[in-house]
Amino acid sequence: METHDLALRLKKARESVGLTLKSAADKMGFSNYQTLGSIENGAREVKAAEIIKFSKIYYCSIDVLIGTGDHNDEKPRLLWRRAPEAHVRKMIEKRVHKLAEQCVWLQEALTISSRRKFKTFVSDREEIATNFKVDDIARQARKSLDLGRRPSLSLKDALEQQMGVVVIYDALSDAGSAASMVHPRYGAIVVINSNESPWRQNYDLAHELFHLYTWELFTQDELQDPVLFHDIERKADRFASTLLLPSEEIQSRVHQKLDENKKLSKADFVDIAREFGVSTQALAYRMKNANLISWEVADRIAKDEEVLGLSKDRRWDEREKAPKSEILTDLAIRGLRKSIISRGKFAELCGIDRCDIDDFINEKGILYNDGESFEIMDS
């Protein structure tokens, strides 16, 4: 490959994720940034192992770096609930872009026809003009997705399997809580902060679903208006609350507790929140909207330190069951089983060493080969 052309592509890839020369050199393990500077100036040859590492830290395929792949400059338009700083945002969106591109490539290679274009039943702003209309949209969504009596337990699987939504869990730290987009090539994508508690993740996923449903109703320029953006965020919160906490189910559960104990204790309150997979704050304000408690009581419970402490103590085990992004791994395993990708490509996609492939697959509990086929009888 031409050293000069490779140098330019490496520099462009670094700048696309917002890394400085020094920070990129540190991630590469170079003793000083001048080494990377020499590479980008074309004065130093790049080793094969370095190409692989560049690919990982720049979230860019090896094919693109060496000039044999297409470089799509169109960036995914992510709608952030709370936007991170520009350089952090660049890197996160680059990660999302790469993962989405890999998913689409594998789906096409596997000729998977089940990947659906996200469909919404919200076609006009008037349909979300009031709180009552937002509640109605949430009820429609719960019914169409068949989420049952405890929606948080099945929401992620329903979005992935029924709607073709790619749900990505990424360590956003304090950069932002969640983001989403609907892209003509990648479809619908939701990014959830893996550092958040599971009940917070459930709420964020429901919140982002509202943005997916209303994606075509607002332009990017319109969303720069803080008044409009705040109104949409408030409605997304309302939607999430109604979706995850069906009023009839909440009322039924509260009355069961009252029949048992004649009163609703703080511990009972935490147990109900845990049962529905939401925070105690979300439950408190939902009970207010369902006319079970007053605003003053809801606000007091939401801010009660004892309730928050009880919730933390009783829900520590839920963090062990926090969901992870599995779609790329699942597709890669299918691709390897069908000999569509090599072991080297599989290791690259899953971010592991080639020597760890067999152990990695065994841990997933998935067969390496398709196994013997069997005949299905006519019904």
Protein backbone atom coordinates (compact mmCIF):
# COMPACT_ATOMS: atom_id res chain seq x y z
CA MET A 1 0.00 0.00 0.00
CA GLU A 2 1.14 3.59 -0.60
CA THR A 3 2.58 4.95 2.66
CA HIS A 4 1.41 8.50 1.92
CA ASP A 5 -2.20 7.45 1.21
CA LEU A 6 -2.30 5.27 4.31
CA ALA A 7 -0.93 8.15 6.39
CA LEU A 8 -3.72 10.44 5.16
CA ARG A 9 -6.40 7.85 5.91
CA LEU A 10 -5.04 7.30 9.42
CA LYS A 11 -5.03 11.03 10.11
CA LYS A 12 -8.59 11.39 8.79
CA ALA A 13 -9.74 8.46 10.92
CA ARG A 14 -8.15 9.96 14.05
CA GLU A 15 -9.75 13.35 13.45
CA SER A 16 -13.15 11.76 12.80
CA VAL A 17 -13.27 10.49 16.40
CA GLY A 18 -11.98 13.75 17.87
CA LEU A 19 -8.69 12.38 19.21
CA THR A 20 -5.64 14.61 19.54
CA LEU A 21 -2.27 13.35 18.32
CA LYS A 22 -1.16 12.80 21.93
CA SER A 23 -4.31 11.01 23.11
CA ALA A 24 -4.25 8.70 20.08
CA ALA A 25 -0.55 7.97 20.62
CA ASP A 26 -1.28 7.09 24.26
CA LYS A 27 -4.04 4.67 23.22
CA MET A 28 -1.67 3.08 20.72
CA GLY A 29 0.97 2.62 23.41
CA PHE A 30 3.58 4.77 21.68
CA SER A 31 6.20 6.25 23.99
CA ASN A 32 5.64 9.72 22.51
CA TYR A 33 3.27 11.45 20.12
CA GLN A 34 6.07 12.15 17.66
CA THR A 35 5.92 8.49 16.60
CA LEU A 36 2.33 8.89 15.50
CA GLY A 37 3.21 12.20 13.90
CA SER A 38 5.86 10.44 11.80
CA ILE A 39 3.30 7.85 10.70
CA GLU A 40 0.77 10.51 9.69
CA ASN A 41 3.47 12.38 7.79
CA GLY A 42 4.36 9.24 5.87
CA ALA A 43 7.88 9.16 7.33
CA ARG A 44 7.40 5.85 9.18
CA GLU A 45 6.06 2.53 7.95
CA VAL A 46 3.03 1.08 9.73
CA LYS A 47 3.22 -2.47 11.06
CA ALA A 48 0.38 -4.93 10.46
CA ALA A 49 -0.30 -5.24 14.20
CA GLU A 50 -0.55 -1.44 14.42
CA ILE A 51 -3.16 -1.37 11.64
CA ILE A 52 -5.33 -3.71 13.71
CA LYS A 53 -4.93 -1.52 16.79
CA PHE A 54 -5.64 1.68 14.82
CA SER A 55 -8.84 0.05 13.59
CA LYS A 56 -9.98 -0.57 17.16
CA ILE A 57 -9.24 2.85 18.63
CA TYR A 58 -10.57 4.76 15.59
CA TYR A 59 -13.69 2.56 15.25
CA CYS A 60 -12.89 2.11 11.59
CA SER A 61 -12.63 -1.12 9.60
CA ILE A 62 -9.23 -2.37 8.50
CA ASP A 63 -10.47 -2.39 4.90
CA VAL A 64 -11.18 1.34 5.04
CA LEU A 65 -7.80 2.10 6.62
CA ILE A 66 -5.85 0.21 3.97
CA GLY A 67 -7.98 1.63 1.17
CA THR A 68 -9.87 -1.47 0.03
CA GLY A 69 -13.23 -0.60 1.59
CA ASP A 70 -15.81 2.11 1.09
CA HIS A 71 -15.65 5.05 3.47
CA ASN A 72 -19.08 6.43 4.17
CA ASP A 73 -18.76 10.02 5.36
CA GLU A 74 -22.43 10.26 6.27
CA LYS A 75 -22.53 10.40 10.06
CA PRO A 76 -25.45 8.94 11.99
CA ARG A 77 -27.76 11.63 13.23
CA LEU A 78 -28.18 10.74 16.89
CA LEU A 79 -30.72 12.52 19.04
CA TRP A 80 -29.23 12.84 22.53
CA ARG A 81 -31.25 13.10 25.69
CA ARG A 82 -28.34 15.00 27.20
CA ALA A 83 -25.62 15.71 24.67
CA PRO A 84 -22.01 15.11 25.78
CA GLU A 85 -19.12 17.39 24.95
CA ALA A 86 -18.31 17.61 21.24
CA HIS A 87 -15.17 15.44 21.29
CA VAL A 88 -16.85 12.74 23.41
CA ARG A 89 -19.93 12.85 21.22
CA LYS A 90 -17.80 12.37 18.10
CA MET A 91 -16.18 9.24 19.47
CA ILE A 92 -19.42 7.67 20.72
CA GLU A 93 -21.20 8.33 17.43
CA LYS A 94 -18.26 6.84 15.55
CA ARG A 95 -18.55 3.67 17.67
CA VAL A 96 -22.27 3.49 16.95
CA HIS A 97 -21.65 4.08 13.24
CA LYS A 98 -19.11 1.25 13.09
CA LEU A 99 -21.27 -1.23 14.99
CA ALA A 100 -24.32 -0.40 12.86
CA GLU A 101 -22.32 -0.82 9.65
CA GLN A 102 -20.99 -4.18 10.84
CA CYS A 103 -24.50 -5.36 11.75
CA VAL A 104 -25.89 -4.39 8.34
CA TRP A 105 -22.96 -6.05 6.55
CA LEU A 106 -23.47 -9.31 8.46
CA GLN A 107 -27.24 -9.24 7.98
CA GLU A 108 -26.78 -8.80 4.24
CA ALA A 109 -24.11 -11.52 4.09
CA LEU A 110 -26.41 -13.89 5.98
CA THR A 111 -29.34 -12.84 3.75
CA ILE A 112 -31.44 -12.20 6.82
CA SER A 113 -34.85 -11.08 5.64
CA SER A 114 -36.26 -10.51 9.12
CA ARG A 115 -34.56 -7.13 9.56
CA ARG A 116 -37.49 -4.76 9.49
CA LYS A 117 -37.71 -1.11 8.76
CA PHE A 118 -38.95 0.58 11.91
CA LYS A 119 -42.63 1.42 11.50
CA THR A 120 -44.46 4.07 13.47
CA PHE A 121 -48.16 4.66 13.91
CA VAL A 122 -47.61 8.33 14.84
CA SER A 123 -47.96 10.42 11.69
CA ASP A 124 -48.95 13.87 12.91
CA ARG A 125 -47.89 16.25 15.69
CA GLU A 126 -51.50 16.59 16.72
CA GLU A 127 -51.39 12.97 17.89
CA ILE A 128 -48.98 13.93 20.71
CA ALA A 129 -50.38 17.40 21.40
CA THR A 130 -51.60 16.64 24.95
CA ASN A 131 -50.67 14.38 27.85
CA PHE A 132 -53.80 12.32 27.27
CA LYS A 133 -52.82 11.73 23.65
CA VAL A 134 -49.29 10.74 24.69
CA ASP A 135 -50.81 8.27 27.16
CA ASP A 136 -52.91 6.84 24.34
CA ILE A 137 -49.82 6.39 22.14
CA ALA A 138 -48.10 4.55 25.01
CA ARG A 139 -51.08 2.22 25.45
CA GLN A 140 -51.12 1.51 21.71
CA ALA A 141 -47.40 0.73 21.79
CA ARG A 142 -47.81 -1.61 24.77
CA LYS A 143 -50.59 -3.46 23.00
CA SER A 144 -48.92 -3.67 19.57
CA LEU A 145 -45.66 -4.94 21.12
CA ASP A 146 -47.57 -7.34 23.38
CA LEU A 147 -45.57 -6.25 26.43
CA GLY A 148 -47.91 -7.84 28.94
CA ARG A 149 -48.48 -6.84 32.55
CA ARG A 150 -44.82 -6.07 33.33
CA PRO A 151 -43.61 -4.25 30.18
CA SER A 152 -40.01 -3.67 31.32
CA LEU A 153 -39.33 -7.42 31.30
CA SER A 154 -39.96 -7.81 27.57
CA LEU A 155 -39.44 -4.34 26.07
CA LYS A 156 -35.87 -4.86 24.81
CA ASP A 157 -36.61 -8.23 23.19
CA ALA A 158 -39.81 -6.88 21.64
CA LEU A 159 -38.00 -3.93 20.07
CA GLU A 160 -35.20 -6.11 18.70
CA GLN A 161 -37.28 -9.04 17.49
CA GLN A 162 -40.51 -7.36 16.38
CA MET A 163 -39.36 -3.91 15.31
CA GLY A 164 -35.79 -4.60 14.19
CA VAL A 165 -34.37 -1.99 16.58
CA VAL A 166 -30.65 -2.30 17.33
CA VAL A 167 -30.19 -1.69 21.07
CA ILE A 168 -26.62 -0.78 21.99
CA TYR A 169 -25.36 -0.66 25.58
CA ASP A 170 -22.30 1.57 25.80
CA ALA A 171 -20.33 2.93 28.76
CA LEU A 172 -21.30 6.57 28.32
CA SER A 173 -20.23 7.48 31.86
CA ASP A 174 -21.49 11.01 32.52
CA ALA A 175 -21.44 11.88 28.82
CA GLY A 176 -25.16 11.31 28.32
CA SER A 177 -27.93 8.99 29.42
CA ALA A 178 -29.26 7.77 26.08
CA ALA A 179 -29.58 8.53 22.37
CA SER A 180 -31.48 7.26 19.34
CA MET A 181 -31.78 7.58 15.59
CA VAL A 182 -33.63 6.28 12.55
CA HIS A 183 -31.25 5.89 9.60
CA PRO A 184 -32.20 4.91 6.02
CA ARG A 185 -29.50 2.22 5.90
CA TYR A 186 -29.04 1.18 9.53
CA GLY A 187 -32.67 1.33 10.60
CA ALA A 188 -33.65 2.27 14.17
CA ILE A 189 -30.91 2.39 16.81
CA VAL A 190 -31.05 3.14 20.52
CA VAL A 191 -27.94 3.74 22.62
CA ILE A 192 -28.29 3.14 26.38
CA ASN A 193 -25.74 3.99 29.06
CA SER A 194 -24.44 0.67 30.40
CA ASN A 195 -23.23 2.45 33.55
CA GLU A 196 -26.79 3.26 34.59
CA SER A 197 -28.84 0.99 36.86
CA PRO A 198 -31.06 -1.58 35.07
CA TRP A 199 -34.25 0.21 36.12
CA ARG A 200 -32.88 3.48 34.74
CA GLN A 201 -31.96 1.68 31.50
CA ASN A 202 -35.53 0.35 31.22
CA TYR A 203 -36.89 3.86 31.53
CA ASP A 204 -34.38 5.28 29.04
CA LEU A 205 -35.25 2.58 26.51
CA ALA A 206 -38.95 3.42 26.78
CA HIS A 207 -38.12 7.15 26.57
CA GLU A 208 -36.11 6.63 23.37
CA LEU A 209 -38.92 4.56 21.86
CA PHE A 210 -41.04 7.72 21.91
CA HIS A 211 -38.34 9.49 19.88
CA LEU A 212 -38.32 6.64 17.35
CA TYR A 213 -42.09 6.84 16.97
CA THR A 214 -41.96 10.63 16.46
CA TRP A 215 -38.69 10.75 14.48
CA GLU A 216 -40.21 12.09 11.26
CA LEU A 217 -42.32 14.75 12.97
CA PHE A 218 -39.49 17.18 13.75
CA THR A 219 -36.46 18.40 11.84
CA GLN A 220 -32.98 18.65 13.32
CA ASP A 221 -33.15 22.44 13.06
CA GLU A 222 -36.46 22.56 14.95
CA LEU A 223 -34.98 20.51 17.77
CA GLN A 224 -32.39 23.23 18.37
CA ASP A 225 -35.23 25.27 19.90
CA PRO A 226 -34.86 24.66 23.67
CA VAL A 227 -38.56 25.23 24.33
CA LEU A 228 -39.65 22.65 21.76
CA PHE A 229 -36.93 20.21 22.81
CA HIS A 230 -37.96 20.46 26.47
CA ASP A 231 -41.60 19.83 25.54
CA ILE A 232 -40.68 16.74 23.51
CA GLU A 233 -38.48 15.43 26.33
CA ARG A 234 -41.29 15.94 28.83
CA LYS A 235 -43.68 14.02 26.59
CA ALA A 236 -41.11 11.25 26.10
CA ASP A 237 -40.91 10.91 29.89
CA ARG A 238 -44.69 10.78 30.09
CA PHE A 239 -44.77 8.11 27.38
CA ALA A 240 -42.12 6.02 29.17
CA SER A 241 -43.98 6.20 32.46
CA THR A 242 -47.31 5.19 30.94
CA LEU A 243 -45.74 2.42 28.85
CA LEU A 244 -43.85 0.77 31.71
CA LEU A 245 -46.42 1.34 34.44
CA PRO A 246 -49.95 0.45 33.26
CA SER A 247 -52.34 2.28 35.57
CA GLU A 248 -54.65 -0.71 36.04
CA GLU A 249 -51.72 -2.94 37.02
CA ILE A 250 -50.33 -0.36 39.44
CA GLN A 251 -53.74 0.13 41.04
CA SER A 252 -54.21 -3.63 41.36
CA ARG A 253 -50.80 -4.11 42.98
CA VAL A 254 -51.26 -1.21 45.40
CA HIS A 255 -54.68 -2.49 46.48
CA GLN A 256 -53.24 -5.97 47.03
CA LYS A 257 -50.65 -4.47 49.36
CA LEU A 258 -53.35 -2.50 51.17
CA ASP A 259 -55.47 -5.63 51.60
CA GLU A 260 -52.48 -7.43 53.10
CA ASN A 261 -51.12 -4.72 55.37
CA LYS A 262 -53.85 -2.04 55.55
CA LYS A 263 -51.21 0.50 54.54
CA LEU A 264 -48.44 1.00 52.01
CA SER A 265 -45.02 1.06 53.64
CA LYS A 266 -41.80 2.38 52.13
CA ALA A 267 -40.60 -1.19 51.74
CA ASP A 268 -43.82 -2.06 49.87
CA PHE A 269 -43.23 0.91 47.61
CA VAL A 270 -39.71 -0.29 46.77
CA ASP A 271 -40.99 -3.83 46.12
CA ILE A 272 -43.58 -2.56 43.62
CA ALA A 273 -40.96 -0.45 41.82
CA ARG A 274 -38.70 -3.49 41.62
CA GLU A 275 -41.51 -5.68 40.33
CA PHE A 276 -42.16 -3.27 37.45
CA GLY A 277 -38.48 -2.67 36.73
CA VAL A 278 -38.53 1.08 37.32
CA SER A 279 -37.08 3.56 39.80
CA THR A 280 -38.98 4.58 42.92
CA GLN A 281 -39.12 8.13 41.53
CA ALA A 282 -40.80 6.94 38.33
CA LEU A 283 -43.33 4.91 40.33
CA ALA A 284 -44.12 7.83 42.64
CA TYR A 285 -44.94 10.25 39.83
CA ARG A 286 -46.86 7.59 37.91
CA MET A 287 -49.01 6.93 40.97
CA LYS A 288 -49.72 10.64 41.10
CA ASN A 289 -50.79 10.64 37.42
CA ALA A 290 -52.99 7.62 38.14
CA ASN A 291 -54.66 9.62 40.96
CA LEU A 292 -53.46 7.22 43.66
CA ILE A 293 -51.50 9.85 45.60
CA SER A 294 -51.21 13.63 45.59
CA TRP A 295 -48.40 15.58 43.95
CA GLU A 296 -47.02 16.53 47.36
CA VAL A 297 -46.86 12.89 48.48
CA ALA A 298 -45.32 11.78 45.17
CA ASP A 299 -42.64 14.45 45.35
CA ARG A 300 -41.87 13.61 48.98
CA ILE A 301 -41.50 9.89 48.23
CA ALA A 302 -39.36 10.55 45.15
CA LYS A 303 -36.91 12.55 47.27
CA ASP A 304 -37.06 10.40 50.41
CA GLU A 305 -33.52 9.29 51.33
CA GLU A 306 -34.80 6.25 53.24
CA VAL A 307 -36.75 5.05 50.19
CA LEU A 308 -33.71 5.57 47.97
CA GLY A 309 -31.55 3.68 50.47
CA LEU A 310 -34.01 0.78 50.68
CA SER A 311 -34.15 0.62 46.90
CA LYS A 312 -30.37 0.46 46.66
CA ASP A 313 -30.12 -2.27 49.32
CA ARG A 314 -32.91 -4.44 47.95
CA ARG A 315 -31.97 -4.19 44.27
CA TRP A 316 -28.23 -4.84 44.24
CA ASP A 317 -28.77 -8.19 42.51
CA GLU A 318 -30.48 -6.57 39.52
CA ARG A 319 -27.19 -5.02 38.45
CA GLU A 320 -25.77 -8.51 37.94
CA LYS A 321 -28.46 -9.16 35.32
CA ALA A 322 -27.96 -5.93 33.38
CA PRO A 323 -28.50 -6.48 29.62
CA LYS A 324 -25.67 -6.14 27.12
CA SER A 325 -25.38 -5.53 23.38
CA GLU A 326 -25.53 -8.99 21.85
CA ILE A 327 -26.68 -8.43 18.27
CA LEU A 328 -23.23 -8.12 16.68
CA THR A 329 -21.88 -11.14 18.57
CA ASP A 330 -24.90 -13.24 17.61
CA LEU A 331 -24.60 -12.28 13.94
CA ALA A 332 -20.84 -12.93 13.96
CA ILE A 333 -21.32 -16.41 15.43
CA ARG A 334 -23.89 -17.21 12.75
CA GLY A 335 -21.51 -15.91 10.09
CA LEU A 336 -18.68 -18.09 11.41
CA ARG A 337 -20.87 -21.18 11.59
CA LYS A 338 -21.90 -20.74 7.96
CA SER A 339 -18.30 -19.99 6.85
CA ILE A 340 -19.28 -16.51 5.66
CA ILE A 341 -16.54 -14.92 7.75
CA SER A 342 -13.10 -16.19 8.75
CA ARG A 343 -11.94 -16.80 12.30
CA GLY A 344 -9.77 -13.71 11.99
CA LYS A 345 -12.74 -11.56 10.97
CA PHE A 346 -14.80 -13.08 13.78
CA ALA A 347 -12.13 -12.13 16.32
CA GLU A 348 -12.03 -8.59 14.93
CA LEU A 349 -15.83 -8.18 15.10
CA CYS A 350 -16.04 -9.49 18.68
CA GLY A 351 -12.93 -7.67 19.90
CA ILE A 352 -11.13 -10.82 21.07
CA ASP A 353 -7.90 -12.67 20.25
CA ARG A 354 -8.08 -15.51 17.74
CA CYS A 355 -6.82 -17.98 20.35
CA ASP A 356 -9.86 -17.18 22.54
CA ILE A 357 -12.52 -17.85 19.88
CA ASP A 358 -13.49 -21.38 20.95
CA ASP A 359 -13.73 -20.48 24.65
CA PHE A 360 -15.73 -17.36 23.73
CA ILE A 361 -18.29 -19.38 21.75
CA ASN A 362 -18.51 -22.08 24.44
CA GLU A 363 -19.24 -19.43 27.08
CA LYS A 364 -22.15 -18.25 24.94
CA GLY A 365 -23.52 -21.79 24.92
CA ILE A 366 -23.87 -21.80 21.14
CA LEU A 367 -22.91 -24.62 18.78
CA TYR A 368 -19.91 -23.93 16.56
CA ASN A 369 -21.55 -25.77 13.62
CA ASP A 370 -25.17 -25.83 12.50
CA GLY A 371 -25.34 -29.56 13.22
CA GLU A 372 -27.44 -32.17 11.45
CA SER A 373 -30.64 -30.94 9.82
CA PHE A 374 -33.98 -32.66 10.32
CA GLU A 375 -37.20 -32.91 8.35
CA ILE A 376 -40.32 -30.93 9.22
CA MET A 377 -43.58 -32.78 8.61
CA ASP A 378 -46.36 -31.17 6.61
CA SER A 379 -49.18 -29.92 8.80
